[in-house]
Protein backbone atom coordinates (compact mmCIF):
# COMPACT_ATOMS: atom_id res chain seq x y z
CA MET A 1 27.87 35.48 112.49
CA SER A 2 28.45 38.82 110.82
CA ALA A 3 29.94 41.74 112.72
CA PRO A 4 27.50 44.47 113.76
CA SER A 5 27.38 47.38 111.36
CA SER A 6 28.84 50.70 112.45
CA PRO A 7 26.35 53.43 113.34
CA LYS A 8 25.57 55.99 110.67
CA LEU A 9 24.65 59.62 111.21
CA PRO A 10 21.32 60.60 109.57
CA VAL A 11 22.05 63.77 107.59
CA ALA A 12 19.86 66.19 105.64
CA ILE A 13 21.13 68.63 103.02
CA LEU A 14 19.59 72.10 102.93
CA GLY A 15 20.18 73.61 99.51
CA CYS A 16 20.63 71.54 96.37
CA GLY A 17 22.41 73.93 94.06
CA ARG A 18 25.90 73.36 92.70
CA MET A 19 27.57 73.04 96.12
CA GLY A 20 24.62 71.28 97.72
CA GLN A 21 24.68 68.61 95.02
CA ARG A 22 28.40 68.12 95.60
CA HIS A 23 27.81 67.70 99.35
CA ALA A 24 24.93 65.30 98.71
CA HIS A 25 27.10 63.17 96.44
CA ASN A 26 30.01 63.15 98.88
CA PHE A 27 27.93 62.29 101.93
CA HIS A 28 25.84 59.68 100.12
CA HIS A 29 28.54 57.87 98.15
CA LEU A 30 31.89 58.67 99.79
CA THR A 31 31.22 59.03 103.52
CA PRO A 32 30.56 55.55 104.97
CA ARG A 33 29.44 56.77 108.40
CA ALA A 34 26.75 59.08 106.97
CA ALA A 35 23.24 58.37 105.68
CA ILE A 36 21.44 61.01 103.61
CA VAL A 37 17.77 60.97 104.65
CA ALA A 38 16.37 64.19 103.16
CA ILE A 39 17.08 67.14 100.88
CA GLY A 40 15.49 70.57 101.18
CA HIS A 41 15.31 72.87 98.15
CA PRO A 42 12.40 74.87 96.62
CA SER A 43 12.94 73.82 93.03
CA ALA A 44 11.47 71.20 90.73
CA LEU A 45 14.90 70.84 89.12
CA ALA A 46 16.38 69.96 92.52
CA ALA A 47 13.66 67.39 93.15
CA GLN A 48 14.41 65.79 89.78
CA TRP A 49 18.15 65.77 90.53
CA VAL A 50 17.51 64.01 93.85
CA GLN A 51 15.26 61.45 92.16
CA ASP A 52 17.93 60.76 89.53
CA HIS A 53 20.98 60.65 91.81
CA LEU A 54 19.72 59.72 95.29
CA PRO A 55 17.01 57.08 94.86
CA GLY A 56 14.86 56.73 97.96
CA VAL A 57 15.82 60.11 99.42
CA LEU A 58 12.92 62.54 99.82
CA CYS A 59 13.22 66.12 98.59
CA TYR A 60 11.20 68.78 100.42
CA ALA A 61 10.33 72.10 98.81
CA ASP A 62 10.63 73.87 102.17
CA PRO A 63 14.18 73.56 103.60
CA GLU A 64 12.93 74.68 107.03
CA GLN A 65 10.64 71.66 107.19
CA VAL A 66 13.64 69.35 106.96
CA SER A 67 15.07 70.59 110.28
CA SER A 68 11.89 69.38 112.03
CA LEU A 69 11.98 65.82 110.68
CA PRO A 70 12.30 63.25 113.49
CA ASN A 71 14.82 61.10 111.61
CA VAL A 72 17.39 63.89 111.07
CA ASP A 73 20.35 64.30 113.48
CA ALA A 74 22.53 66.66 111.42
CA VAL A 75 22.19 69.14 108.58
CA VAL A 76 24.53 70.42 105.91
CA ILE A 77 23.51 73.99 105.06
CA SER A 78 24.47 75.12 101.55
CA THR A 79 21.64 77.53 100.84
CA ILE A 80 22.04 81.16 99.75
CA THR A 81 24.13 83.13 102.24
CA SER A 82 21.27 85.33 103.48
CA THR A 83 19.55 82.22 104.91
CA HIS A 84 22.60 80.80 106.69
CA THR A 85 21.99 82.44 110.06
CA PRO A 86 18.24 81.66 110.43
CA PHE A 87 18.64 78.08 109.19
CA THR A 88 21.60 77.47 111.50
CA MET A 89 19.86 79.01 114.51
CA LYS A 90 16.82 76.78 113.94
CA ALA A 91 18.99 73.68 113.57
CA ILE A 92 20.85 74.41 116.81
CA GLU A 93 17.52 75.06 118.55
CA HIS A 94 16.39 71.58 117.46
CA GLY A 95 19.64 70.04 118.70
CA LEU A 96 20.90 69.24 115.20
CA HIS A 97 24.60 69.17 114.37
CA VAL A 98 25.50 71.61 111.60
CA LEU A 99 28.02 71.77 108.78
CA LEU A 100 27.56 75.28 107.41
CA GLU A 101 28.98 76.55 104.14
CA LYS A 102 31.02 79.70 104.51
CA PRO A 103 30.49 82.49 105.25
CA ILE A 104 28.11 82.39 108.19
CA SER A 105 26.90 85.78 106.91
CA VAL A 106 28.33 88.72 105.00
CA ASP A 107 27.25 90.82 108.02
CA VAL A 108 29.29 90.32 111.20
CA GLU A 109 26.29 91.27 113.35
CA ASP A 110 24.35 88.35 111.85
CA THR A 111 27.32 86.08 112.55
CA ARG A 112 27.53 86.73 116.29
CA PRO A 113 24.17 85.07 117.20
CA VAL A 114 25.35 81.82 115.60
CA VAL A 115 28.54 81.87 117.70
CA ASP A 116 26.49 82.56 120.84
CA ALA A 117 24.00 79.79 120.04
CA ALA A 118 26.78 77.29 119.37
CA SER A 119 28.48 78.24 122.66
CA SER A 120 25.23 77.80 124.58
CA LYS A 121 24.83 74.21 123.33
CA PRO A 122 28.30 72.63 123.40
CA GLU A 123 26.75 69.20 122.85
CA VAL A 124 25.77 70.34 119.35
CA LYS A 125 28.61 70.34 116.82
CA VAL A 126 28.72 73.41 114.60
CA MET A 127 31.37 73.28 111.88
CA ILE A 128 32.09 75.92 109.24
CA GLY A 129 33.04 74.76 105.74
CA PHE A 130 36.57 76.11 105.61
CA VAL A 131 37.58 73.40 103.18
CA ARG A 132 41.25 74.34 102.93
CA ARG A 133 41.88 73.01 106.41
CA PHE A 134 41.12 69.55 105.00
CA ASP A 135 43.34 69.81 101.92
CA GLN A 136 46.20 67.30 101.85
CA ALA A 137 48.79 69.73 100.45
CA LEU A 138 47.96 72.47 102.94
CA ASN A 139 48.03 69.98 105.81
CA GLY A 140 51.45 68.92 104.57
CA LEU A 141 52.51 72.55 104.75
CA ALA A 142 51.09 72.80 108.27
CA GLY A 143 53.15 69.76 109.25
CA GLU A 144 56.26 71.41 107.83
CA LEU A 145 55.57 74.60 109.79
CA VAL A 146 55.37 72.56 112.99
CA GLY A 147 58.12 70.01 112.44
CA SER A 148 60.88 71.39 110.21
CA LYS A 149 63.88 73.50 111.19
CA LEU A 150 63.20 76.33 108.76
CA GLY A 151 61.54 78.45 111.43
CA LYS A 152 58.05 79.88 111.61
CA SER A 153 56.49 81.55 108.60
CA TYR A 154 56.77 85.33 108.63
CA LEU A 155 54.88 85.85 105.36
CA LEU A 156 52.06 83.91 103.74
CA LYS A 157 51.04 84.81 100.18
CA SER A 158 47.74 83.51 98.84
CA THR A 159 46.32 83.86 95.34
CA SER A 160 42.78 82.70 94.60
CA MET A 161 41.30 83.34 91.16
CA ASP A 162 37.82 82.18 90.23
CA PRO A 163 37.41 81.57 86.50
CA TYR A 164 35.68 84.24 84.46
CA ASP A 165 32.29 82.80 83.52
CA PRO A 166 30.04 84.77 81.13
CA VAL A 167 27.11 82.49 82.04
CA LEU A 168 27.29 83.58 85.71
CA GLU A 169 28.08 87.20 84.88
CA SER A 170 24.50 88.47 85.39
CA LEU A 171 24.37 86.87 88.84
CA TYR A 172 27.70 88.39 89.80
CA LEU A 173 26.54 91.86 88.73
CA MET A 174 23.35 91.80 90.83
CA PRO A 175 23.12 94.49 93.54
CA ARG A 176 24.57 93.20 96.78
CA PRO A 177 24.57 94.25 100.46
CA LEU A 178 27.11 96.95 101.28
CA ALA A 179 28.89 94.47 103.57
CA ALA A 180 29.42 92.02 100.69
CA SER A 181 32.81 91.92 98.99
CA LEU A 182 35.42 89.62 97.53
CA TRP A 183 36.79 89.30 101.07
CA THR A 184 33.50 88.24 102.65
CA ALA A 185 32.79 85.76 99.84
CA GLY A 186 35.54 83.51 98.45
CA GLY A 187 38.32 85.38 100.22
CA ILE A 188 37.03 84.19 103.59
CA HIS A 189 38.79 80.88 102.78
CA ASP A 190 42.14 82.62 102.36
CA ILE A 191 41.64 84.62 105.55
CA ASP A 192 40.87 81.54 107.63
CA MET A 193 43.81 79.70 106.08
CA SER A 194 46.13 82.53 107.10
CA ARG A 195 44.84 82.42 110.70
CA TRP A 196 45.44 78.67 110.78
CA LEU A 197 48.88 78.49 109.17
CA LEU A 198 50.38 81.62 110.72
CA SER A 199 49.43 80.36 114.20
CA LEU A 200 51.95 77.54 113.74
CA PRO A 201 54.12 76.14 115.18
CA SER A 202 52.88 77.35 118.59
CA GLY A 203 49.21 76.76 117.87
CA THR A 204 48.28 79.94 119.72
CA PRO A 205 45.67 81.67 117.52
CA VAL A 206 47.02 84.81 115.90
CA LYS A 207 45.08 88.06 116.20
CA PRO A 208 44.97 90.72 113.49
CA THR A 209 46.45 94.11 114.34
CA ARG A 210 46.06 96.01 111.06
CA VAL A 211 44.81 95.47 107.51
CA ILE A 212 44.82 97.42 104.30
CA ALA A 213 43.04 96.60 101.05
CA SER A 214 42.71 97.85 97.53
CA GLY A 215 40.98 96.68 94.39
CA LEU A 216 40.43 97.25 90.71
CA ILE A 217 37.90 96.48 88.04
CA THR A 218 39.16 94.60 85.00
CA ALA A 219 36.04 93.06 83.42
CA HIS A 220 32.93 94.51 85.07
CA PRO A 221 32.78 98.34 84.89
CA GLU A 222 29.22 98.20 86.26
CA LEU A 223 30.65 97.27 89.66
CA ALA A 224 31.99 100.79 90.16
CA ASP A 225 28.48 102.03 91.01
CA GLN A 226 28.22 99.35 93.71
CA GLY A 227 31.51 100.21 95.39
CA TYR A 228 32.74 96.75 94.46
CA CYS A 229 35.65 95.28 92.48
CA ASP A 230 36.45 92.10 90.58
CA ASN A 231 40.11 91.93 91.65
CA ALA A 232 41.30 92.64 95.19
CA LEU A 233 44.62 92.94 96.99
CA ALA A 234 45.16 92.97 100.74
CA ILE A 235 47.70 92.86 103.55
CA ILE A 236 46.87 91.40 106.97
CA GLU A 237 49.25 92.02 109.88
CA TYR A 238 49.10 89.67 112.88
CA ASP A 239 50.16 90.12 116.50
CA ASN A 240 52.98 87.54 116.28
CA GLY A 241 54.80 89.67 113.70
CA SER A 242 53.65 87.70 110.65
CA PHE A 243 51.98 89.07 107.52
CA CYS A 244 49.59 87.68 104.92
CA THR A 245 49.05 89.06 101.42
CA LEU A 246 45.98 88.20 99.37
CA HIS A 247 45.19 88.43 95.67
CA LEU A 248 41.56 87.59 95.01
CA SER A 249 39.94 87.62 91.57
CA ARG A 250 36.67 86.83 89.82
CA THR A 251 38.22 87.18 86.36
CA GLY A 252 40.62 84.26 86.01
CA MET A 253 40.89 83.94 82.24
CA ALA A 254 42.92 80.74 82.48
CA GLY A 255 40.61 78.86 84.85
CA TYR A 256 40.66 78.49 88.61
CA GLU A 257 43.96 79.24 90.33
CA SER A 258 45.08 78.70 93.90
CA ARG A 259 48.65 79.37 94.97
CA VAL A 260 50.04 79.53 98.50
CA GLU A 261 53.59 80.55 99.43
CA ALA A 262 55.00 80.37 102.96
CA TYR A 263 58.19 82.39 103.49
CA ARG A 264 60.36 81.37 106.45
CA LYS A 265 63.72 82.28 107.94
CA GLY A 266 65.36 79.18 106.49
CA GLY A 267 63.48 78.81 103.21
CA LYS A 268 60.00 78.67 101.74
CA GLN A 269 57.27 76.29 100.62
CA VAL A 270 55.01 76.76 97.60
CA ILE A 271 51.73 75.03 96.78
CA THR A 272 50.46 75.47 93.22
CA MET A 273 47.78 73.98 91.00
CA GLU A 274 50.29 71.70 89.31
CA LYS A 275 53.88 70.62 89.45
CA GLU A 276 56.09 73.12 87.69
CA ALA A 277 58.42 71.61 85.14
CA ALA A 278 62.10 71.80 86.02
CA GLY A 279 63.93 74.38 83.94
CA ALA A 280 60.69 76.08 82.85
CA PRO A 281 60.25 79.13 85.08
CA PHE A 282 57.94 80.86 82.59
CA LYS A 283 54.61 79.46 81.46
CA SER A 284 51.91 81.15 79.39
CA VAL A 285 48.28 80.03 79.67
CA GLU A 286 45.71 81.46 77.28
CA ALA A 287 42.04 81.97 78.03
CA GLY A 288 39.68 79.43 76.54
CA THR A 289 42.16 76.57 76.30
CA ALA A 290 40.94 73.06 76.98
CA ASP A 291 43.12 72.49 80.01
CA MET A 292 41.73 75.27 82.19
CA PRO A 293 41.44 73.88 85.76
CA SER A 294 38.36 74.19 87.96
CA TYR A 295 37.80 74.72 91.67
CA MET A 296 36.84 71.06 92.05
CA ASP A 297 40.08 70.00 90.36
CA ARG A 298 41.92 71.65 93.23
CA TYR A 299 39.68 71.21 96.28
CA GLY A 300 37.22 68.47 95.32
CA VAL A 301 39.04 65.82 97.36
CA ALA A 302 39.31 68.20 100.32
CA LEU A 303 35.51 68.48 100.34
CA ILE A 304 35.32 64.71 100.82
CA HIS A 305 37.75 64.93 103.74
CA GLU A 306 35.65 67.78 105.15
CA ALA A 307 32.50 65.63 105.05
CA LYS A 308 34.25 62.77 106.83
CA ALA A 309 35.70 65.14 109.45
CA PHE A 310 32.21 66.46 110.22
CA ILE A 311 30.74 62.99 110.65
CA ASP A 312 33.72 61.89 112.77
CA CYS A 313 33.51 64.86 115.13
CA VAL A 314 29.81 64.13 115.71
CA LEU A 315 29.96 60.35 116.12
CA ASP A 316 33.26 60.37 118.03
CA ASP A 317 32.33 63.46 120.08
CA THR A 318 35.49 65.41 119.28
CA PRO A 319 35.80 69.21 118.95
CA SER A 320 34.69 70.82 115.73
CA PRO A 321 37.83 71.38 113.62
CA THR A 322 36.43 74.66 112.23
CA SER A 323 34.18 76.31 114.79
CA ALA A 324 31.65 79.12 114.57
CA TYR A 325 34.20 81.20 116.47
CA ASP A 326 36.67 80.64 113.61
CA GLY A 327 33.96 81.84 111.25
CA LEU A 328 33.48 85.02 113.28
CA GLN A 329 37.20 85.79 113.45
CA ALA A 330 37.57 85.44 109.68
CA ALA A 331 34.45 87.59 109.21
CA LEU A 332 35.88 90.38 111.38
CA ILE A 333 39.00 90.50 109.20
CA ALA A 334 36.87 90.43 106.04
CA LYS A 335 34.79 93.31 107.39
CA ALA A 336 37.92 95.35 108.09
CA LEU A 337 39.28 94.66 104.59
CA THR A 338 35.99 95.68 103.01
CA HIS A 339 36.00 98.93 105.00
CA SER A 340 39.62 99.59 104.05
CA PHE A 341 38.79 99.15 100.36
CA GLN A 342 35.76 101.42 100.60
CA THR A 343 37.59 104.20 102.49
CA GLY A 344 41.12 103.86 101.12
CA LYS A 345 42.50 103.73 104.66
CA ALA A 346 44.18 101.07 106.79
CA VAL A 347 42.05 99.58 109.58
CA GLU A 348 43.47 98.74 113.00
CA PHE A 349 42.09 96.29 115.56
CA ASP A 350 41.56 96.85 119.27
CA ARG A 351 42.74 94.49 122.01
CA ALA A 352 39.48 92.56 121.86
CA GLY A 353 40.13 91.76 118.20
CA GLU A 354 37.44 94.10 116.87
CA PRO A 355 38.19 96.33 113.87
CA VAL A 356 38.20 100.05 114.62
CA LEU A 357 36.17 101.48 111.75
CA LEU A 358 36.64 105.22 111.31
């Protein structure tokens, strides 16, 4: 007599672009406790991709329709950012568990309703896709910050450089909401990571006290008219005396780069894209070389761990590892950094953790 099969969570994917396809692949092929039952994306190309890669899975042209299907218990939302809040609100209203790609919104005021809705239905799991919390190397660093004798980290440095891509250049140069910035987009990952790691070893969440940001334009002069930049620098000060510095870029000429350094009283830890050769402190990488790394080279495996963590928290009824509240806190810091860049002034936070924008 065969053992009974383990229950699987019926999941739908809203959005079947680059990231949606990655989620669909991970949940369908690499997450044993999940079952993909539907895809929602208004594109014939998406429907063809689903037919080719997910035989038997239906693709709906209206993503909203998917949330009303009776055989769906959870949704992964990887649509364009402007739809995140309405799609998430509808999913929560229907009692569906949600894994939402970051950010919740580029506008903090559109983020708050999601936090309130998630709080009003604690039985519904709402998880934000802060993928770095599921990265093996960064979790190793977190373990070191908790368990080693080097002391807590007083400074975290994070560099994140997206590769320069001429094909995507026109999309990047499109007019954007005033609230949008490098900090509200990709930099939201770095901000959340700093909140997580600099809260250790105590585990008491740190609160920002002051931020300052600056930026420059290296490849896209058209961005000057939008009050935007393609390279950004920032300092975040937290209430436990720790600091975080950020270098964010959309013009990585040598491929994707992610580097994290944790400075501590008794030493430091460094996480890079690759192991640095002993005795070779200097390395030159030229644009256009064949070995340029990609985002998926660095965080592709972490996305698989993220998918499994979402399914586990739903089926095992454990707390969401990256809550909507975490998404709001990162968004508040991103908003303050954007304001600092636009005004050229530091931004302080009040006791409630809200940025004081002057």
